[in-house]
Amino acid sequence: MGKAVAFLAALIAGVIVVGWVASSLLGGFLYYLIVGALVVGGGTYVYGRIKRSVAPGTRTQRRIEAAAKTYRMRNR
């Protein structure tokens, strides 16, 4: 049990030290890199969810097609 706690403490300290060194060396560049990665990842996630929700055979797609058909029939 004591070795596990010591290992966990060393691991946490190592992550903190590596993060501090990286932030001091890279400065603001690291911040913008992380923010950019989050924005791109979020955009990809949202795009995938929207694409999947409007895929053929889904309820949303059937509603869009029915509305388009009704619109075409009214405007003949």
N, C-alpha and C. Protein backbone atom coordinates (compact mmCIF):
# COMPACT_ATOMS: atom_id res chain seq x y z
N MET A 1 0.82 -1.19 0.00
CA MET A 1 0.00 0.00 0.00
C MET A 1 0.87 1.25 0.00
N GLY A 2 1.94 1.25 0.78
CA GLY A 2 2.82 2.41 0.86
C GLY A 2 3.52 2.71 -0.45
N LYS A 3 3.89 1.64 -1.20
CA LYS A 3 4.55 1.84 -2.48
C LYS A 3 3.59 2.46 -3.50
N ALA A 4 2.33 2.05 -3.43
CA ALA A 4 1.34 2.59 -4.37
C ALA A 4 1.13 4.08 -4.15
N VAL A 5 1.05 4.49 -2.88
CA VAL A 5 0.87 5.91 -2.57
C VAL A 5 2.09 6.71 -2.99
N ALA A 6 3.27 6.17 -2.74
CA ALA A 6 4.51 6.85 -3.14
C ALA A 6 4.59 6.96 -4.66
N PHE A 7 4.21 5.90 -5.37
CA PHE A 7 4.23 5.93 -6.83
C PHE A 7 3.23 6.96 -7.36
N LEU A 8 2.04 7.00 -6.78
CA LEU A 8 1.02 7.95 -7.20
C LEU A 8 1.48 9.39 -6.95
N ALA A 9 2.09 9.64 -5.80
CA ALA A 9 2.59 10.97 -5.49
C ALA A 9 3.71 11.38 -6.46
N ALA A 10 4.59 10.43 -6.78
CA ALA A 10 5.68 10.71 -7.72
C ALA A 10 5.13 10.98 -9.12
N LEU A 11 4.11 10.25 -9.50
CA LEU A 11 3.50 10.43 -10.81
C LEU A 11 2.85 11.81 -10.91
N ILE A 12 2.11 12.20 -9.88
CA ILE A 12 1.46 13.51 -9.88
C ILE A 12 2.50 14.63 -9.89
N ALA A 13 3.55 14.49 -9.09
CA ALA A 13 4.61 15.49 -9.07
C ALA A 13 5.30 15.58 -10.43
N GLY A 14 5.51 14.44 -11.06
CA GLY A 14 6.14 14.43 -12.38
C GLY A 14 5.30 15.14 -13.42
N VAL A 15 4.01 14.91 -13.39
CA VAL A 15 3.12 15.58 -14.35
C VAL A 15 3.13 17.09 -14.12
N ILE A 16 3.13 17.50 -12.86
CA ILE A 16 3.16 18.93 -12.56
C ILE A 16 4.46 19.57 -13.03
N VAL A 17 5.58 18.89 -12.77
CA VAL A 17 6.89 19.44 -13.18
C VAL A 17 6.99 19.51 -14.69
N VAL A 18 6.57 18.46 -15.38
CA VAL A 18 6.65 18.46 -16.85
C VAL A 18 5.74 19.56 -17.42
N GLY A 19 4.55 19.73 -16.86
CA GLY A 19 3.66 20.80 -17.32
C GLY A 19 4.24 22.17 -17.08
N TRP A 20 4.87 22.36 -15.92
CA TRP A 20 5.48 23.66 -15.62
C TRP A 20 6.63 23.96 -16.58
N VAL A 21 7.49 22.96 -16.83
CA VAL A 21 8.62 23.16 -17.76
C VAL A 21 8.12 23.44 -19.16
N ALA A 22 7.12 22.69 -19.60
CA ALA A 22 6.59 22.91 -20.95
C ALA A 22 5.97 24.29 -21.08
N SER A 23 5.23 24.73 -20.06
CA SER A 23 4.60 26.05 -20.16
C SER A 23 5.65 27.16 -20.10
N SER A 24 6.71 26.97 -19.34
CA SER A 24 7.73 28.02 -19.29
C SER A 24 8.55 28.07 -20.57
N LEU A 25 8.75 26.93 -21.21
CA LEU A 25 9.52 26.92 -22.46
C LEU A 25 8.68 27.40 -23.65
N LEU A 26 7.45 26.95 -23.72
CA LEU A 26 6.62 27.27 -24.87
C LEU A 26 5.76 28.51 -24.66
N GLY A 27 5.49 28.85 -23.42
CA GLY A 27 4.74 30.07 -23.12
C GLY A 27 3.34 30.05 -23.69
N GLY A 28 2.96 31.15 -24.32
CA GLY A 28 1.62 31.30 -24.86
C GLY A 28 1.32 30.38 -26.02
N PHE A 29 2.36 29.93 -26.71
CA PHE A 29 2.16 29.05 -27.86
C PHE A 29 1.44 27.78 -27.44
N LEU A 30 1.80 27.25 -26.29
CA LEU A 30 1.16 26.02 -25.81
C LEU A 30 -0.32 26.25 -25.54
N TYR A 31 -0.66 27.39 -24.97
CA TYR A 31 -2.06 27.72 -24.69
C TYR A 31 -2.86 27.75 -25.99
N TYR A 32 -2.36 28.45 -27.01
CA TYR A 32 -3.08 28.55 -28.27
C TYR A 32 -3.14 27.21 -28.99
N LEU A 33 -2.14 26.39 -28.82
CA LEU A 33 -2.14 25.06 -29.42
C LEU A 33 -3.24 24.20 -28.80
N ILE A 34 -3.37 24.25 -27.49
CA ILE A 34 -4.41 23.47 -26.80
C ILE A 34 -5.79 23.99 -27.15
N VAL A 35 -5.96 25.30 -27.14
CA VAL A 35 -7.27 25.88 -27.47
C VAL A 35 -7.64 25.55 -28.91
N GLY A 36 -6.68 25.63 -29.82
CA GLY A 36 -6.94 25.29 -31.22
C GLY A 36 -7.35 23.83 -31.38
N ALA A 37 -6.67 22.94 -30.66
CA ALA A 37 -7.01 21.52 -30.73
C ALA A 37 -8.42 21.27 -30.19
N LEU A 38 -8.79 21.97 -29.11
CA LEU A 38 -10.14 21.82 -28.57
C LEU A 38 -11.20 22.34 -29.53
N VAL A 39 -10.92 23.45 -30.19
CA VAL A 39 -11.89 24.01 -31.14
C VAL A 39 -12.07 23.08 -32.33
N VAL A 40 -10.97 22.57 -32.88
CA VAL A 40 -11.06 21.67 -34.03
C VAL A 40 -11.76 20.37 -33.63
N GLY A 41 -11.41 19.83 -32.48
CA GLY A 41 -12.06 18.61 -32.01
C GLY A 41 -13.54 18.81 -31.76
N GLY A 42 -13.91 19.92 -31.17
CA GLY A 42 -15.32 20.22 -30.93
C GLY A 42 -16.10 20.39 -32.22
N GLY A 43 -15.49 21.07 -33.17
CA GLY A 43 -16.14 21.25 -34.48
C GLY A 43 -16.34 19.92 -35.20
N THR A 44 -15.35 19.05 -35.11
CA THR A 44 -15.47 17.74 -35.72
C THR A 44 -16.57 16.93 -35.05
N TYR A 45 -16.66 17.00 -33.73
CA TYR A 45 -17.69 16.28 -32.98
C TYR A 45 -19.08 16.77 -33.38
N VAL A 46 -19.27 18.10 -33.41
CA VAL A 46 -20.57 18.67 -33.74
C VAL A 46 -20.95 18.31 -35.18
N TYR A 47 -20.01 18.40 -36.11
CA TYR A 47 -20.27 18.07 -37.50
C TYR A 47 -20.71 16.61 -37.64
N GLY A 48 -20.03 15.72 -36.94
CA GLY A 48 -20.38 14.31 -36.98
C GLY A 48 -21.76 14.04 -36.42
N ARG A 49 -22.10 14.71 -35.31
CA ARG A 49 -23.43 14.52 -34.72
C ARG A 49 -24.53 15.04 -35.65
N ILE A 50 -24.31 16.19 -36.27
CA ILE A 50 -25.30 16.74 -37.18
C ILE A 50 -25.45 15.86 -38.41
N LYS A 51 -24.33 15.42 -38.96
CA LYS A 51 -24.37 14.56 -40.15
C LYS A 51 -25.10 13.26 -39.85
N ARG A 52 -24.86 12.69 -38.68
CA ARG A 52 -25.50 11.44 -38.30
C ARG A 52 -26.99 11.64 -38.07
N SER A 53 -27.39 12.81 -37.54
CA SER A 53 -28.80 13.03 -37.23
C SER A 53 -29.63 13.28 -38.48
N VAL A 54 -29.01 13.71 -39.57
CA VAL A 54 -29.75 13.98 -40.81
C VAL A 54 -29.46 12.90 -41.85
N ALA A 55 -28.89 11.79 -41.44
CA ALA A 55 -28.57 10.70 -42.36
C ALA A 55 -29.85 10.10 -42.93
N PRO A 56 -29.75 9.48 -44.10
CA PRO A 56 -30.94 8.86 -44.70
C PRO A 56 -31.54 7.81 -43.77
N GLY A 57 -32.86 7.83 -43.65
CA GLY A 57 -33.55 6.85 -42.83
C GLY A 57 -33.83 7.32 -41.41
N THR A 58 -33.25 8.44 -41.02
CA THR A 58 -33.51 8.94 -39.66
C THR A 58 -34.82 9.71 -39.66
N ARG A 59 -35.37 9.90 -38.49
CA ARG A 59 -36.64 10.61 -38.36
C ARG A 59 -36.53 12.03 -38.89
N THR A 60 -35.41 12.69 -38.62
CA THR A 60 -35.23 14.06 -39.09
C THR A 60 -35.21 14.12 -40.61
N GLN A 61 -34.51 13.18 -41.23
CA GLN A 61 -34.44 13.17 -42.69
C GLN A 61 -35.82 12.89 -43.30
N ARG A 62 -36.57 11.98 -42.72
CA ARG A 62 -37.92 11.68 -43.24
C ARG A 62 -38.83 12.91 -43.11
N ARG A 63 -38.71 13.65 -42.02
CA ARG A 63 -39.51 14.86 -41.85
C ARG A 63 -39.14 15.92 -42.88
N ILE A 64 -37.85 16.06 -43.15
CA ILE A 64 -37.41 17.03 -44.17
C ILE A 64 -37.96 16.65 -45.53
N GLU A 65 -37.89 15.37 -45.88
CA GLU A 65 -38.38 14.92 -47.18
C GLU A 65 -39.89 15.09 -47.28
N ALA A 66 -40.63 14.81 -46.20
CA ALA A 66 -42.08 14.97 -46.23
C ALA A 66 -42.46 16.44 -46.39
N ALA A 67 -41.75 17.32 -45.70
CA ALA A 67 -42.03 18.76 -45.83
C ALA A 67 -41.73 19.24 -47.24
N ALA A 68 -40.65 18.76 -47.83
CA ALA A 68 -40.31 19.15 -49.20
C ALA A 68 -41.36 18.65 -50.18
N LYS A 69 -41.83 17.44 -49.98
CA LYS A 69 -42.86 16.87 -50.86
C LYS A 69 -44.16 17.68 -50.75
N THR A 70 -44.56 18.02 -49.52
CA THR A 70 -45.77 18.82 -49.31
C THR A 70 -45.62 20.19 -49.97
N TYR A 71 -44.46 20.80 -49.84
CA TYR A 71 -44.20 22.11 -50.43
C TYR A 71 -44.32 22.03 -51.95
N ARG A 72 -43.74 20.98 -52.54
CA ARG A 72 -43.81 20.83 -54.01
C ARG A 72 -45.26 20.61 -54.47
N MET A 73 -46.02 19.84 -53.71
CA MET A 73 -47.40 19.57 -54.10
C MET A 73 -48.26 20.83 -54.02
N ARG A 74 -48.02 21.69 -53.05
CA ARG A 74 -48.80 22.91 -52.90
C ARG A 74 -48.48 23.93 -54.00
N ASN A 75 -47.26 23.92 -54.47
CA ASN A 75 -46.81 24.95 -55.43
C ASN A 75 -46.76 24.42 -56.85
N ARG A 76 -47.72 23.61 -57.24
CA ARG A 76 -47.75 23.11 -58.61
C ARG A 76 -48.35 24.12 -59.52
